[in-house]
Amino acid sequence: MPQLPLFKMPMPWMMYAGVDEAGRGPLAGPVVAAAVILDPASPIIGVNDSKKLSEAQRERLFVTITTQSRAFAIAQASAAEIDELNILQASLLAMRRAVMTLIAQGHRVRRIHVDGKHCPNMAGTKSDGPDEPGAFRLGDMDCLALIGGDGTDAAIASASILAKVTRDRLMVAMDERYPQYEFARHKGYPTARHRALLIEHGACSEHRRSFAPVRAVCS
């Protein structure tokens, strides 16, 4: 899967960051976002939408992406922030944090390509270059929201893999603190087993109380 020329980039340093998140649907845990700048001189074979890959493939590609990409950053928004903001805004906040981490690392991020139809608020960041058709201007940074981007854009696909693997690892670690919910098994998603355990034990501090199944056991 190649990096798509969705923006004209007349200068070699004008590389874009692909951005995606994982964990919008679960009843517990954070939403995790990643931002990845790929290295054209070091293409990564096999990247795809993380949902279309096996766990073993994702784990292998996680290592490849984090060692071969030009830069990457991973960030999250907590369950408490999800409850405060709503899941969409918390997802966009996690994306913003990931991109801002790249900038803090010293990378000249001028453009971002985001999976889906919403762009994070990047107001206050700096960008060069003219506006282009199909792009949204966010503050001083360009963003393209691309529905299905994790299946067509290698940088977004790479970000989806980093976000998914990181979140799964966080949920396995959470399982050690809250073994009664079996988070390592379902990763917080609303499976029948998770719902049954939620009813049996009530909610923990990592459950999203703004989500209906959790709210029901807290009322």
Protein backbone atom coordinates (compact mmCIF):
# COMPACT_ATOMS: atom_id res chain seq x y z
CA MET A 1 0.00 0.00 0.00
CA PRO A 2 1.73 3.22 -1.13
CA GLN A 3 1.66 6.62 0.46
CA LEU A 4 -0.97 8.28 -1.68
CA PRO A 5 -0.24 11.65 -3.31
CA LEU A 6 -3.37 13.16 -1.73
CA PHE A 7 -1.54 16.45 -1.42
CA LYS A 8 1.02 17.89 -3.80
CA MET A 9 4.34 18.02 -1.98
CA PRO A 10 6.82 20.12 -3.95
CA MET A 11 9.51 19.88 -1.27
CA PRO A 12 10.89 16.57 0.09
CA TRP A 13 10.54 17.65 3.72
CA MET A 14 6.81 18.29 3.35
CA MET A 15 5.85 14.81 4.52
CA TYR A 16 2.44 14.19 6.00
CA ALA A 17 1.48 12.26 9.11
CA GLY A 18 -1.18 9.57 8.94
CA VAL A 19 -3.47 9.59 11.98
CA ASP A 20 -5.96 7.03 13.30
CA GLU A 21 -7.47 5.86 16.55
CA ALA A 22 -8.55 2.63 18.23
CA GLY A 23 -11.11 2.01 20.92
CA ARG A 24 -14.19 4.08 20.14
CA GLY A 25 -16.59 1.18 20.70
CA PRO A 26 -15.49 -0.43 23.99
CA LEU A 27 -17.25 0.10 27.31
CA ALA A 28 -13.98 0.54 29.19
CA GLY A 29 -10.49 1.91 28.85
CA PRO A 30 -9.03 4.83 26.92
CA VAL A 31 -9.28 5.67 23.26
CA VAL A 32 -5.78 5.54 21.73
CA ALA A 33 -4.52 7.48 18.71
CA ALA A 34 -1.30 7.30 16.73
CA ALA A 35 0.38 9.54 14.19
CA VAL A 36 2.96 8.15 11.75
CA ILE A 37 5.29 9.76 9.23
CA LEU A 38 6.55 7.07 6.88
CA ASP A 39 9.99 7.04 5.31
CA PRO A 40 9.70 6.81 1.48
CA ALA A 41 13.14 5.21 1.39
CA SER A 42 12.02 2.41 3.70
CA PRO A 43 8.59 1.13 2.60
CA ILE A 44 6.74 -1.17 4.97
CA ILE A 45 5.23 -4.25 3.37
CA GLY A 46 1.89 -5.60 4.57
CA VAL A 47 0.34 -2.59 6.28
CA ASN A 48 -3.45 -2.51 6.14
CA ASP A 49 -6.45 -1.53 8.21
CA SER A 50 -5.65 -3.05 11.62
CA LYS A 51 -9.08 -4.72 11.72
CA LYS A 52 -8.16 -6.77 8.66
CA LEU A 53 -4.98 -8.14 10.23
CA SER A 54 -4.49 -10.92 12.74
CA GLU A 55 -3.06 -10.18 16.17
CA ALA A 56 0.23 -11.78 15.16
CA GLN A 57 0.41 -9.65 12.00
CA ARG A 58 -0.32 -6.49 13.97
CA GLU A 59 2.36 -7.28 16.54
CA ARG A 60 4.94 -7.94 13.82
CA LEU A 61 4.06 -4.77 11.94
CA PHE A 62 4.13 -2.74 15.18
CA VAL A 63 7.82 -3.52 15.48
CA THR A 64 8.47 -2.77 11.81
CA ILE A 65 6.58 0.53 11.86
CA THR A 66 8.22 1.78 15.03
CA THR A 67 11.69 0.97 13.70
CA GLN A 68 11.34 1.91 10.01
CA SER A 69 9.05 4.93 10.02
CA ARG A 70 10.51 8.42 9.95
CA ALA A 71 8.59 9.28 13.12
CA PHE A 72 5.64 8.11 15.20
CA ALA A 73 3.75 9.15 18.31
CA ILE A 74 1.03 7.50 20.37
CA ALA A 75 -1.41 9.26 22.71
CA GLN A 76 -4.69 8.60 24.45
CA ALA A 77 -7.76 10.10 26.07
CA SER A 78 -8.93 8.47 29.28
CA ALA A 79 -12.31 6.97 30.13
CA ALA A 80 -12.96 10.03 32.32
CA GLU A 81 -12.24 12.35 29.38
CA ILE A 82 -14.53 10.27 27.17
CA ASP A 83 -17.32 10.73 29.72
CA GLU A 84 -16.66 14.44 29.94
CA LEU A 85 -16.31 15.21 26.24
CA ASN A 86 -18.11 12.34 24.43
CA ILE A 87 -16.33 9.62 22.48
CA LEU A 88 -15.95 11.58 19.22
CA GLN A 89 -14.37 14.61 20.86
CA ALA A 90 -12.16 12.43 23.05
CA SER A 91 -10.97 10.56 19.94
CA LEU A 92 -10.11 13.84 18.26
CA LEU A 93 -8.32 14.98 21.42
CA ALA A 94 -6.19 11.83 21.40
CA MET A 95 -5.37 12.47 17.73
CA ARG A 96 -4.37 16.05 18.47
CA ARG A 97 -2.13 14.86 21.30
CA ALA A 98 -0.41 12.37 19.00
CA VAL A 99 0.27 15.01 16.33
CA MET A 100 1.40 17.56 18.91
CA THR A 101 3.84 14.96 20.27
CA LEU A 102 5.39 14.66 16.80
CA ILE A 103 5.76 18.43 16.70
CA ALA A 104 7.26 18.48 20.20
CA GLN A 105 9.78 15.90 19.01
CA GLY A 106 10.94 18.44 16.44
CA HIS A 107 9.27 17.04 13.31
CA ARG A 108 7.98 19.55 10.77
CA VAL A 109 4.44 18.25 10.44
CA ARG A 110 2.67 20.33 7.81
CA ARG A 111 -0.23 18.08 6.85
CA ILE A 112 -2.18 15.23 8.39
CA HIS A 113 -4.35 12.58 6.80
CA VAL A 114 -7.00 11.26 9.17
CA ASP A 115 -9.16 8.18 8.88
CA GLY A 116 -12.88 9.00 8.94
CA LYS A 117 -14.76 12.22 8.33
CA HIS A 118 -13.59 14.42 11.22
CA CYS A 119 -10.31 16.25 11.75
CA PRO A 120 -8.82 17.12 15.14
CA ASN A 121 -8.53 20.76 16.09
CA MET A 122 -4.94 21.70 15.28
CA ALA A 123 -5.39 25.46 15.71
CA GLY A 124 -2.16 27.15 16.66
CA THR A 125 0.10 24.85 14.69
CA LYS A 126 2.16 26.17 11.80
CA SER A 127 2.02 25.09 8.18
CA ASP A 128 3.45 26.09 4.83
CA GLY A 129 2.01 25.81 1.38
CA PRO A 130 -1.20 26.81 -0.42
CA ASP A 131 -4.68 25.48 0.21
CA GLU A 132 -5.58 22.53 -1.96
CA PRO A 133 -8.92 21.08 -3.14
CA GLY A 134 -10.43 18.59 -0.73
CA ALA A 135 -8.40 19.73 2.26
CA PHE A 136 -9.61 21.41 5.43
CA ARG A 137 -7.59 24.24 6.89
CA LEU A 138 -7.18 23.70 10.63
CA GLY A 139 -5.47 26.69 12.15
CA ASP A 140 -2.24 26.68 10.17
CA MET A 141 -2.18 22.94 9.42
CA ASP A 142 -3.86 21.13 6.53
CA CYS A 143 -5.91 18.02 7.19
CA LEU A 144 -7.61 15.57 4.88
CA ALA A 145 -10.35 13.46 6.47
CA LEU A 146 -10.47 10.29 4.40
CA ILE A 147 -13.28 7.78 4.92
CA GLY A 148 -11.74 4.32 4.66
CA GLY A 149 -8.28 5.85 4.82
CA ASP A 150 -6.94 3.02 6.95
CA GLY A 151 -7.48 0.76 3.95
CA THR A 152 -5.98 3.01 1.28
CA ASP A 153 -3.30 5.20 2.85
CA ALA A 154 -0.23 3.46 4.24
CA ALA A 155 0.52 6.14 6.82
CA ILE A 156 -3.02 6.01 8.20
CA ALA A 157 -2.96 2.20 8.14
CA SER A 158 0.31 2.26 10.06
CA ALA A 159 -1.22 4.58 12.63
CA SER A 160 -4.21 2.27 12.99
CA ILE A 161 -1.87 -0.63 13.77
CA LEU A 162 0.10 1.30 16.39
CA ALA A 163 -3.10 2.51 18.04
CA LYS A 164 -4.73 -0.93 18.07
CA VAL A 165 -1.70 -2.80 19.41
CA THR A 166 -1.07 -0.17 22.08
CA ARG A 167 -4.66 -0.21 23.26
CA ASP A 168 -4.80 -4.01 23.37
CA ARG A 169 -1.65 -4.01 25.49
CA LEU A 170 -3.17 -1.44 27.84
CA MET A 171 -6.25 -3.60 28.26
CA VAL A 172 -4.14 -6.68 29.03
CA ALA A 173 -2.34 -4.67 31.71
CA MET A 174 -5.71 -3.46 33.00
CA ASP A 175 -6.80 -7.08 33.31
CA GLU A 176 -4.17 -7.56 36.00
CA ARG A 177 -5.73 -4.76 38.06
CA TYR A 178 -9.33 -5.79 37.44
CA PRO A 179 -9.28 -9.55 36.74
CA GLN A 180 -13.01 -9.88 37.47
CA TYR A 181 -13.83 -8.22 34.12
CA GLU A 182 -11.54 -10.35 31.90
CA PHE A 183 -10.35 -7.31 29.96
CA ALA A 184 -7.53 -9.31 28.34
CA ARG A 185 -10.17 -11.49 26.73
CA HIS A 186 -12.49 -8.90 25.18
CA LYS A 187 -10.39 -5.69 25.41
CA GLY A 188 -13.35 -3.80 26.87
CA TYR A 189 -15.68 -4.31 23.92
CA PRO A 190 -19.38 -4.92 24.71
CA THR A 191 -19.35 -8.68 24.27
CA ALA A 192 -22.00 -10.79 25.97
CA ARG A 193 -19.40 -11.96 28.49
CA HIS A 194 -18.29 -8.44 29.31
CA ARG A 195 -21.88 -7.28 29.75
CA ALA A 196 -22.58 -10.19 32.08
CA LEU A 197 -19.51 -9.44 34.19
CA LEU A 198 -20.43 -5.76 34.26
CA ILE A 199 -23.86 -6.64 35.65
CA GLU A 200 -22.31 -9.05 38.16
CA HIS A 201 -19.54 -6.79 39.50
CA GLY A 202 -20.73 -3.28 38.66
CA ALA A 203 -18.49 -0.71 36.98
CA CYS A 204 -14.86 0.02 37.82
CA SER A 205 -13.05 3.33 37.41
CA GLU A 206 -12.04 2.41 33.85
CA HIS A 207 -15.59 1.92 32.62
CA ARG A 208 -17.15 4.65 30.48
CA ARG A 209 -20.17 5.78 32.46
CA SER A 210 -21.54 7.77 29.53
CA PHE A 211 -22.08 4.52 27.60
CA ALA A 212 -25.56 3.07 28.08
CA PRO A 213 -24.65 -0.45 29.31
CA VAL A 214 -22.36 1.03 31.97
CA ARG A 215 -24.79 3.78 32.90
CA ALA A 216 -27.46 1.13 33.43
CA VAL A 217 -25.50 -0.67 36.13
CA CYS A 218 -24.52 2.60 37.82
CA SER A 219 -28.06 3.91 38.17
